[in-house]
PDB file of N, CA and C in Angstrom:
ATOM      1  N   MET A   1      -1.392 -21.797 -18.963  1.00  0.00           N
ATOM      2  CA  MET A   1      -0.152 -22.372 -18.487  1.00  0.00           C
ATOM      3  C   MET A   1      -0.106 -22.296 -16.970  1.00  0.00           C
ATOM      4  N   LYS A   2       0.643 -23.185 -16.399  1.00  0.00           N
ATOM      5  CA  LYS A   2       0.735 -23.277 -14.954  1.00  0.00           C
ATOM      6  C   LYS A   2       1.946 -22.490 -14.452  1.00  0.00           C
ATOM      7  N   SER A   3       1.845 -21.964 -13.245  1.00  0.00           N
ATOM      8  CA  SER A   3       2.954 -21.233 -12.641  1.00  0.00           C
ATOM      9  C   SER A   3       4.141 -22.161 -12.421  1.00  0.00           C
ATOM     10  N   LYS A   4       5.327 -21.591 -12.439  1.00  0.00           N
ATOM     11  CA  LYS A   4       6.561 -22.335 -12.221  1.00  0.00           C
ATOM     12  C   LYS A   4       7.307 -21.708 -11.058  1.00  0.00           C
ATOM     13  N   LYS A   5       8.374 -22.339 -10.619  1.00  0.00           N
ATOM     14  CA  LYS A   5       9.131 -21.833  -9.480  1.00  0.00           C
ATOM     15  C   LYS A   5       9.595 -20.400  -9.738  1.00  0.00           C
ATOM     16  N   ASN A   6       9.243 -19.502  -8.843  1.00  0.00           N
ATOM     17  CA  ASN A   6       9.569 -18.078  -8.887  1.00  0.00           C
ATOM     18  C   ASN A   6       8.859 -17.324 -10.005  1.00  0.00           C
ATOM     19  N   LEU A   7       7.980 -17.981 -10.743  1.00  0.00           N
ATOM     20  CA  LEU A   7       7.203 -17.337 -11.801  1.00  0.00           C
ATOM     21  C   LEU A   7       5.726 -17.589 -11.550  1.00  0.00           C
ATOM     22  N   THR A   8       4.936 -16.520 -11.581  1.00  0.00           N
ATOM     23  CA  THR A   8       3.503 -16.621 -11.345  1.00  0.00           C
ATOM     24  C   THR A   8       2.764 -16.059 -12.548  1.00  0.00           C
ATOM     25  N   ARG A   9       1.748 -16.768 -12.980  1.00  0.00           N
ATOM     26  CA  ARG A   9       0.950 -16.337 -14.132  1.00  0.00           C
ATOM     27  C   ARG A   9      -0.221 -15.484 -13.660  1.00  0.00           C
ATOM     28  N   PHE A  10      -0.414 -14.318 -14.265  1.00  0.00           N
ATOM     29  CA  PHE A  10      -1.536 -13.437 -13.982  1.00  0.00           C
ATOM     30  C   PHE A  10      -2.439 -13.400 -15.213  1.00  0.00           C
ATOM     31  N   THR A  11      -3.673 -13.885 -15.066  1.00  0.00           N
ATOM     32  CA  THR A  11      -4.623 -13.875 -16.185  1.00  0.00           C
ATOM     33  C   THR A  11      -6.011 -13.470 -15.713  1.00  0.00           C
ATOM     34  N   TYR A  12      -6.082 -12.518 -14.822  1.00  0.00           N
ATOM     35  CA  TYR A  12      -7.369 -12.086 -14.292  1.00  0.00           C
ATOM     36  C   TYR A  12      -8.126 -11.271 -15.333  1.00  0.00           C
ATOM     37  N   GLU A  13      -9.408 -11.547 -15.482  1.00  0.00           N
ATOM     38  CA  GLU A  13     -10.228 -10.836 -16.464  1.00  0.00           C
ATOM     39  C   GLU A  13     -10.514  -9.396 -16.044  1.00  0.00           C
ATOM     40  N   THR A  14     -10.465  -9.115 -14.745  1.00  0.00           N
ATOM     41  CA  THR A  14     -10.828  -7.791 -14.250  1.00  0.00           C
ATOM     42  C   THR A  14      -9.654  -6.816 -14.207  1.00  0.00           C
ATOM     43  N   THR A  15      -8.454  -7.247 -14.594  1.00  0.00           N
ATOM     44  CA  THR A  15      -7.304  -6.346 -14.584  1.00  0.00           C
ATOM     45  C   THR A  15      -6.789  -6.134 -16.008  1.00  0.00           C
ATOM     46  N   ALA A  16      -6.066  -5.071 -16.193  1.00  0.00           N
ATOM     47  CA  ALA A  16      -5.519  -4.763 -17.506  1.00  0.00           C
ATOM     48  C   ALA A  16      -4.261  -5.584 -17.804  1.00  0.00           C
ATOM     49  N   PHE A  17      -3.593  -6.101 -16.754  1.00  0.00           N
ATOM     50  CA  PHE A  17      -2.338  -6.826 -16.943  1.00  0.00           C
ATOM     51  C   PHE A  17      -2.577  -8.317 -17.105  1.00  0.00           C
ATOM     52  N   GLN A  18      -1.950  -8.880 -18.123  1.00  0.00           N
ATOM     53  CA  GLN A  18      -1.896 -10.325 -18.285  1.00  0.00           C
ATOM     54  C   GLN A  18      -0.468 -10.671 -18.645  1.00  0.00           C
ATOM     55  N   GLY A  19       0.125 -11.568 -17.875  1.00  0.00           N
ATOM     56  CA  GLY A  19       1.508 -11.946 -18.128  1.00  0.00           C
ATOM     57  C   GLY A  19       2.087 -12.715 -16.966  1.00  0.00           C
ATOM     58  N   TRP A  20       3.418 -12.649 -16.840  1.00  0.00           N
ATOM     59  CA  TRP A  20       4.154 -13.402 -15.835  1.00  0.00           C
ATOM     60  C   TRP A  20       4.842 -12.455 -14.865  1.00  0.00           C
ATOM     61  N   ARG A  21       4.914 -12.848 -13.603  1.00  0.00           N
ATOM     62  CA  ARG A  21       5.643 -12.091 -12.591  1.00  0.00           C
ATOM     63  C   ARG A  21       6.792 -12.950 -12.095  1.00  0.00           C
ATOM     64  N   LEU A  22       7.996 -12.403 -12.175  1.00  0.00           N
ATOM     65  CA  LEU A  22       9.186 -13.039 -11.627  1.00  0.00           C
ATOM     66  C   LEU A  22       9.425 -12.440 -10.253  1.00  0.00           C
ATOM     67  N   CYS A  23       9.507 -13.273  -9.243  1.00  0.00           N
ATOM     68  CA  CYS A  23       9.752 -12.808  -7.883  1.00  0.00           C
ATOM     69  C   CYS A  23      10.761 -13.753  -7.249  1.00  0.00           C
ATOM     70  N   LEU A  24      11.938 -13.214  -6.931  1.00  0.00           N
ATOM     71  CA  LEU A  24      13.033 -14.012  -6.404  1.00  0.00           C
ATOM     72  C   LEU A  24      13.582 -13.330  -5.162  1.00  0.00           C
ATOM     73  N   SER A  25      13.694 -14.068  -4.074  1.00  0.00           N
ATOM     74  CA  SER A  25      14.219 -13.517  -2.820  1.00  0.00           C
ATOM     75  C   SER A  25      15.495 -14.242  -2.429  1.00  0.00           C
ATOM     76  N   ARG A  26      16.483 -13.454  -2.026  1.00  0.00           N
ATOM     77  CA  ARG A  26      17.741 -14.003  -1.533  1.00  0.00           C
ATOM     78  C   ARG A  26      18.259 -13.103  -0.424  1.00  0.00           C
ATOM     79  N   SER A  27      18.626 -13.689   0.685  1.00  0.00           N
ATOM     80  CA  SER A  27      19.270 -12.977   1.800  1.00  0.00           C
ATOM     81  C   SER A  27      18.507 -11.727   2.217  1.00  0.00           C
ATOM     82  N   GLY A  28      17.200 -11.811   2.254  1.00  0.00           N
ATOM     83  CA  GLY A  28      16.392 -10.695   2.718  1.00  0.00           C
ATOM     84  C   GLY A  28      16.075  -9.643   1.680  1.00  0.00           C
ATOM     85  N   THR A  29      16.506  -9.842   0.437  1.00  0.00           N
ATOM     86  CA  THR A  29      16.235  -8.893  -0.639  1.00  0.00           C
ATOM     87  C   THR A  29      15.330  -9.572  -1.672  1.00  0.00           C
ATOM     88  N   THR A  30      14.284  -8.879  -2.090  1.00  0.00           N
ATOM     89  CA  THR A  30      13.348  -9.423  -3.062  1.00  0.00           C
ATOM     90  C   THR A  30      13.459  -8.657  -4.371  1.00  0.00           C
ATOM     91  N   PHE A  31      13.515  -9.395  -5.458  1.00  0.00           N
ATOM     92  CA  PHE A  31      13.567  -8.813  -6.797  1.00  0.00           C
ATOM     93  C   PHE A  31      12.307  -9.228  -7.533  1.00  0.00           C
ATOM     94  N   THR A  32      11.604  -8.246  -8.117  1.00  0.00           N
ATOM     95  CA  THR A  32      10.350  -8.502  -8.813  1.00  0.00           C
ATOM     96  C   THR A  32      10.345  -7.806 -10.163  1.00  0.00           C
ATOM     97  N   LYS A  33       9.840  -8.497 -11.177  1.00  0.00           N
ATOM     98  CA  LYS A  33       9.705  -7.923 -12.521  1.00  0.00           C
ATOM     99  C   LYS A  33       8.490  -8.561 -13.174  1.00  0.00           C
ATOM    100  N   TYR A  34       7.723  -7.762 -13.883  1.00  0.00           N
ATOM    101  CA  TYR A  34       6.545  -8.240 -14.596  1.00  0.00           C
ATOM    102  C   TYR A  34       6.853  -8.334 -16.087  1.00  0.00           C
ATOM    103  N   PHE A  35       6.398  -9.427 -16.711  1.00  0.00           N
ATOM    104  CA  PHE A  35       6.591  -9.660 -18.133  1.00  0.00           C
ATOM    105  C   PHE A  35       5.223  -9.749 -18.792  1.00  0.00           C
ATOM    106  N   SER A  36       4.821  -8.697 -19.469  1.00  0.00           N
ATOM    107  CA  SER A  36       3.486  -8.580 -20.062  1.00  0.00           C
ATOM    108  C   SER A  36       3.398  -9.337 -21.382  1.00  0.00           C
ATOM    109  N   ASP A  37       2.286 -10.044 -21.564  1.00  0.00           N
ATOM    110  CA  ASP A  37       2.033 -10.722 -22.835  1.00  0.00           C
ATOM    111  C   ASP A  37       1.994  -9.708 -23.972  1.00  0.00           C
ATOM    112  N   LYS A  38       1.419  -8.555 -23.702  1.00  0.00           N
ATOM    113  CA  LYS A  38       1.268  -7.512 -24.718  1.00  0.00           C
ATOM    114  C   LYS A  38       2.637  -6.997 -25.177  1.00  0.00           C
ATOM    115  N   LYS A  39       3.541  -6.769 -24.252  1.00  0.00           N
ATOM    116  CA  LYS A  39       4.870  -6.240 -24.586  1.00  0.00           C
ATOM    117  C   LYS A  39       5.696  -7.260 -25.368  1.00  0.00           C
ATOM    118  N   TYR A  40       5.622  -8.538 -24.965  1.00  0.00           N
ATOM    119  CA  TYR A  40       6.459  -9.566 -25.585  1.00  0.00           C
ATOM    120  C   TYR A  40       5.775 -10.270 -26.754  1.00  0.00           C
ATOM    121  N   GLY A  41       4.498  -9.987 -27.009  1.00  0.00           N
ATOM    122  CA  GLY A  41       3.829 -10.513 -28.186  1.00  0.00           C
ATOM    123  C   GLY A  41       2.937 -11.717 -27.946  1.00  0.00           C
ATOM    124  N   SER A  42       3.253 -12.531 -26.956  1.00  0.00           N
ATOM    125  CA  SER A  42       2.417 -13.693 -26.652  1.00  0.00           C
ATOM    126  C   SER A  42       2.765 -14.214 -25.263  1.00  0.00           C
ATOM    127  N   GLU A  43       1.922 -15.113 -24.787  1.00  0.00           N
ATOM    128  CA  GLU A  43       2.137 -15.709 -23.474  1.00  0.00           C
ATOM    129  C   GLU A  43       3.442 -16.502 -23.441  1.00  0.00           C
ATOM    130  N   ARG A  44       3.710 -17.247 -24.489  1.00  0.00           N
ATOM    131  CA  ARG A  44       4.927 -18.074 -24.536  1.00  0.00           C
ATOM    132  C   ARG A  44       6.197 -17.216 -24.606  1.00  0.00           C
ATOM    133  N   LYS A  45       6.161 -16.141 -25.371  1.00  0.00           N
ATOM    134  CA  LYS A  45       7.331 -15.264 -25.477  1.00  0.00           C
ATOM    135  C   LYS A  45       7.595 -14.551 -24.152  1.00  0.00           C
ATOM    136  N   ALA A  46       6.534 -14.145 -23.465  1.00  0.00           N
ATOM    137  CA  ALA A  46       6.689 -13.510 -22.153  1.00  0.00           C
ATOM    138  C   ALA A  46       7.272 -14.509 -21.150  1.00  0.00           C
ATOM    139  N   LEU A  47       6.814 -15.750 -21.204  1.00  0.00           N
ATOM    140  CA  LEU A  47       7.343 -16.796 -20.321  1.00  0.00           C
ATOM    141  C   LEU A  47       8.815 -17.047 -20.609  1.00  0.00           C
ATOM    142  N   LYS A  48       9.177 -17.112 -21.868  1.00  0.00           N
ATOM    143  CA  LYS A  48      10.580 -17.346 -22.235  1.00  0.00           C
ATOM    144  C   LYS A  48      11.471 -16.212 -21.719  1.00  0.00           C
ATOM    145  N   ALA A  49      11.018 -14.976 -21.865  1.00  0.00           N
ATOM    146  CA  ALA A  49      11.784 -13.824 -21.369  1.00  0.00           C
ATOM    147  C   ALA A  49      11.906 -13.887 -19.848  1.00  0.00           C
ATOM    148  N   ALA A  50      10.832 -14.269 -19.169  1.00  0.00           N
ATOM    149  CA  ALA A  50      10.852 -14.369 -17.705  1.00  0.00           C
ATOM    150  C   ALA A  50      11.791 -15.483 -17.250  1.00  0.00           C
ATOM    151  N   GLU A  51      11.768 -16.618 -17.937  1.00  0.00           N
ATOM    152  CA  GLU A  51      12.658 -17.724 -17.576  1.00  0.00           C
ATOM    153  C   GLU A  51      14.125 -17.361 -17.808  1.00  0.00           C
ATOM    154  N   THR A  52      14.404 -16.653 -18.886  1.00  0.00           N
ATOM    155  CA  THR A  52      15.774 -16.205 -19.167  1.00  0.00           C
ATOM    156  C   THR A  52      16.256 -15.247 -18.084  1.00  0.00           C
ATOM    157  N   ALA A  53      15.410 -14.292 -17.718  1.00  0.00           N
ATOM    158  CA  ALA A  53      15.769 -13.331 -16.669  1.00  0.00           C
ATOM    159  C   ALA A  53      15.964 -14.047 -15.327  1.00  0.00           C
ATOM    160  N   ARG A  54      15.111 -15.033 -15.026  1.00  0.00           N
ATOM    161  CA  ARG A  54      15.238 -15.789 -13.774  1.00  0.00           C
ATOM    162  C   ARG A  54      16.569 -16.524 -13.735  1.00  0.00           C
ATOM    163  N   LYS A  55      16.948 -17.147 -14.847  1.00  0.00           N
ATOM    164  CA  LYS A  55      18.209 -17.882 -14.909  1.00  0.00           C
ATOM    165  C   LYS A  55      19.398 -16.945 -14.693  1.00  0.00           C
ATOM    166  N   GLU A  56      19.406 -15.813 -15.399  1.00  0.00           N
ATOM    167  CA  GLU A  56      20.506 -14.856 -15.266  1.00  0.00           C
ATOM    168  C   GLU A  56      20.578 -14.285 -13.853  1.00  0.00           C
ATOM    169  N   LEU A  57      19.431 -13.951 -13.280  1.00  0.00           N
ATOM    170  CA  LEU A  57      19.387 -13.389 -11.933  1.00  0.00           C
ATOM    171  C   LEU A  57      19.850 -14.417 -10.895  1.00  0.00           C
ATOM    172  N   THR A  58      19.426 -15.655 -11.043  1.00  0.00           N
ATOM    173  CA  THR A  58      19.833 -16.711 -10.121  1.00  0.00           C
ATOM    174  C   THR A  58      21.339 -16.915 -10.177  1.00  0.00           C
ATOM    175  N   GLU A  59      21.901 -16.960 -11.385  1.00  0.00           N
ATOM    176  CA  GLU A  59      23.347 -17.120 -11.541  1.00  0.00           C
ATOM    177  C   GLU A  59      24.103 -15.966 -10.885  1.00  0.00           C
ATOM    178  N   LEU A  60      23.614 -14.745 -11.074  1.00  0.00           N
ATOM    179  CA  LEU A  60      24.247 -13.572 -10.472  1.00  0.00           C
ATOM    180  C   LEU A  60      24.219 -13.656  -8.948  1.00  0.00           C
ATOM    181  N   LEU A  61      23.060 -13.996  -8.402  1.00  0.00           N
ATOM    182  CA  LEU A  61      22.910 -14.014  -6.943  1.00  0.00           C
ATOM    183  C   LEU A  61      23.638 -15.181  -6.291  1.00  0.00           C
ATOM    184  N   GLU A  62      23.698 -16.325  -6.961  1.00  0.00           N
ATOM    185  CA  GLU A  62      24.388 -17.486  -6.393  1.00  0.00           C
ATOM    186  C   GLU A  62      25.900 -17.250  -6.330  1.00  0.00           C
ATOM    187  N   GLY A  63      26.438 -16.515  -7.292  1.00  0.00           N
ATOM    188  CA  GLY A  63      27.870 -16.270  -7.331  1.00  0.00           C
ATOM    189  C   GLY A  63      28.305 -15.008  -6.595  1.00  0.00           C
ATOM    190  N   SER A  64      27.379 -14.335  -5.943  1.00  0.00           N
ATOM    191  CA  SER A  64      27.716 -13.057  -5.313  1.00  0.00           C
ATOM    192  C   SER A  64      28.234 -13.252  -3.897  1.00  0.00           C
ATOM    193  N   ARG A  65      28.955 -12.243  -3.421  1.00  0.00           N
ATOM    194  CA  ARG A  65      29.426 -12.284  -2.036  1.00  0.00           C
ATOM    195  C   ARG A  65      28.440 -11.544  -1.156  1.00  0.00           C
ATOM    196  N   LYS A  66      28.464 -11.897   0.080  1.00  0.00           N
ATOM    197  CA  LYS A  66      27.525 -11.307   1.038  1.00  0.00           C
ATOM    198  C   LYS A  66      28.285 -10.394   2.005  1.00  0.00           C
ATOM    199  N   VAL A  67      27.622  -9.343   2.454  1.00  0.00           N
ATOM    200  CA  VAL A  67      28.172  -8.420   3.442  1.00  0.00           C
ATOM    201  C   VAL A  67      27.230  -8.458   4.643  1.00  0.00           C
ATOM    202  N   ASN A  68      27.721  -8.960   5.745  1.00  0.00           N
ATOM    203  CA  ASN A  68      26.904  -9.118   6.960  1.00  0.00           C
ATOM    204  C   ASN A  68      25.631  -9.929   6.693  1.00  0.00           C
ATOM    205  N   GLY A  69      25.764 -10.975   5.884  1.00  0.00           N
ATOM    206  CA  GLY A  69      24.631 -11.846   5.599  1.00  0.00           C
ATOM    207  C   GLY A  69      23.661 -11.306   4.567  1.00  0.00           C
ATOM    208  N   LYS A  70      23.919 -10.148   4.008  1.00  0.00           N
ATOM    209  CA  LYS A  70      23.050  -9.527   2.997  1.00  0.00           C
ATOM    210  C   LYS A  70      23.786  -9.463   1.661  1.00  0.00           C
ATOM    211  N   ILE A  71      23.033  -9.298   0.606  1.00  0.00           N
ATOM    212  CA  ILE A  71      23.627  -9.133  -0.718  1.00  0.00           C
ATOM    213  C   ILE A  71      24.322  -7.775  -0.769  1.00  0.00           C
ATOM    214  N   SER A  72      25.512  -7.743  -1.363  1.00  0.00           N
ATOM    215  CA  SER A  72      26.257  -6.488  -1.433  1.00  0.00           C
ATOM    216  C   SER A  72      25.517  -5.471  -2.305  1.00  0.00           C
ATOM    217  N   GLN A  73      25.800  -4.199  -2.080  1.00  0.00           N
ATOM    218  CA  GLN A  73      25.150  -3.126  -2.838  1.00  0.00           C
ATOM    219  C   GLN A  73      25.486  -3.227  -4.319  1.00  0.00           C
ATOM    220  N   THR A  74      26.712  -3.632  -4.646  1.00  0.00           N
ATOM    221  CA  THR A  74      27.115  -3.789  -6.040  1.00  0.00           C
ATOM    222  C   THR A  74      26.274  -4.859  -6.730  1.00  0.00           C
ATOM    223  N   THR A  75      26.100  -5.995  -6.061  1.00  0.00           N
ATOM    224  CA  THR A  75      25.286  -7.076  -6.622  1.00  0.00           C
ATOM    225  C   THR A  75      23.838  -6.640  -6.747  1.00  0.00           C
ATOM    226  N   ASN A  76      23.347  -5.924  -5.753  1.00  0.00           N
ATOM    227  CA  ASN A  76      21.981  -5.419  -5.787  1.00  0.00           C
ATOM    228  C   ASN A  76      21.776  -4.512  -7.009  1.00  0.00           C
ATOM    229  N   ASN A  77      22.719  -3.625  -7.255  1.00  0.00           N
ATOM    230  CA  ASN A  77      22.635  -2.726  -8.410  1.00  0.00           C
ATOM    231  C   ASN A  77      22.695  -3.500  -9.727  1.00  0.00           C
ATOM    232  N   LYS A  78      23.575  -4.516  -9.802  1.00  0.00           N
ATOM    233  CA  LYS A  78      23.672  -5.332 -11.012  1.00  0.00           C
ATOM    234  C   LYS A  78      22.368  -6.074 -11.272  1.00  0.00           C
ATOM    235  N   ALA A  79      21.755  -6.599 -10.211  1.00  0.00           N
ATOM    236  CA  ALA A  79      20.497  -7.333 -10.346  1.00  0.00           C
ATOM    237  C   ALA A  79      19.385  -6.405 -10.830  1.00  0.00           C
ATOM    238  N   LYS A  80      19.312  -5.211 -10.283  1.00  0.00           N
ATOM    239  CA  LYS A  80      18.285  -4.254 -10.712  1.00  0.00           C
ATOM    240  C   LYS A  80      18.484  -3.864 -12.176  1.00  0.00           C
ATOM    241  N   LYS A  81      19.734  -3.674 -12.580  1.00  0.00           N
ATOM    242  CA  LYS A  81      20.040  -3.338 -13.977  1.00  0.00           C
ATOM    243  C   LYS A  81      19.670  -4.491 -14.895  1.00  0.00           C
ATOM    244  N   LEU A  82      19.970  -5.707 -14.475  1.00  0.00           N
ATOM    245  CA  LEU A  82      19.632  -6.893 -15.258  1.00  0.00           C
ATOM    246  C   LEU A  82      18.121  -6.980 -15.479  1.00  0.00           C
ATOM    247  N   LEU A  83      17.341  -6.757 -14.419  1.00  0.00           N
ATOM    248  CA  LEU A  83      15.894  -6.836 -14.537  1.00  0.00           C
ATOM    249  C   LEU A  83      15.333  -5.688 -15.374  1.00  0.00           C
ATOM    250  N   LYS A  84      15.942  -4.525 -15.267  1.00  0.00           N
ATOM    251  CA  LYS A  84      15.475  -3.365 -16.037  1.00  0.00           C
ATOM    252  C   LYS A  84      15.656  -3.614 -17.535  1.00  0.00           C
ATOM    253  N   ASN A  85      16.758  -4.266 -17.898  1.00  0.00           N
ATOM    254  CA  ASN A  85      17.066  -4.520 -19.305  1.00  0.00           C
ATOM    255  C   ASN A  85      16.395  -5.781 -19.846  1.00  0.00           C
ATOM    256  N   ALA A  86      15.758  -6.548 -18.992  1.00  0.00           N
ATOM    257  CA  ALA A  86      15.133  -7.816 -19.424  1.00  0.00           C
ATOM    258  C   ALA A  86      13.895  -7.562 -20.254  1.00  0.00           C
TER     259      ALA A  86
END
């Protein structure tokens, strides 16, 4: 499968990890989460989980308020919790 916006596919033969990486940056803050094929059962299931997390994270960040041009600490904590539970 091909990489999509904010999602990168990792399928290197020399590494133990195969799956998708979600990487989203907003207002100087970067959020990253890895979705392993092994954990989710297949490449397609890992992609679906990554796309769902990307959608939820984007919605959270787009609707958030900024403090001095940065994402507020509350929003930052919510985003980290969202990714942890994904």
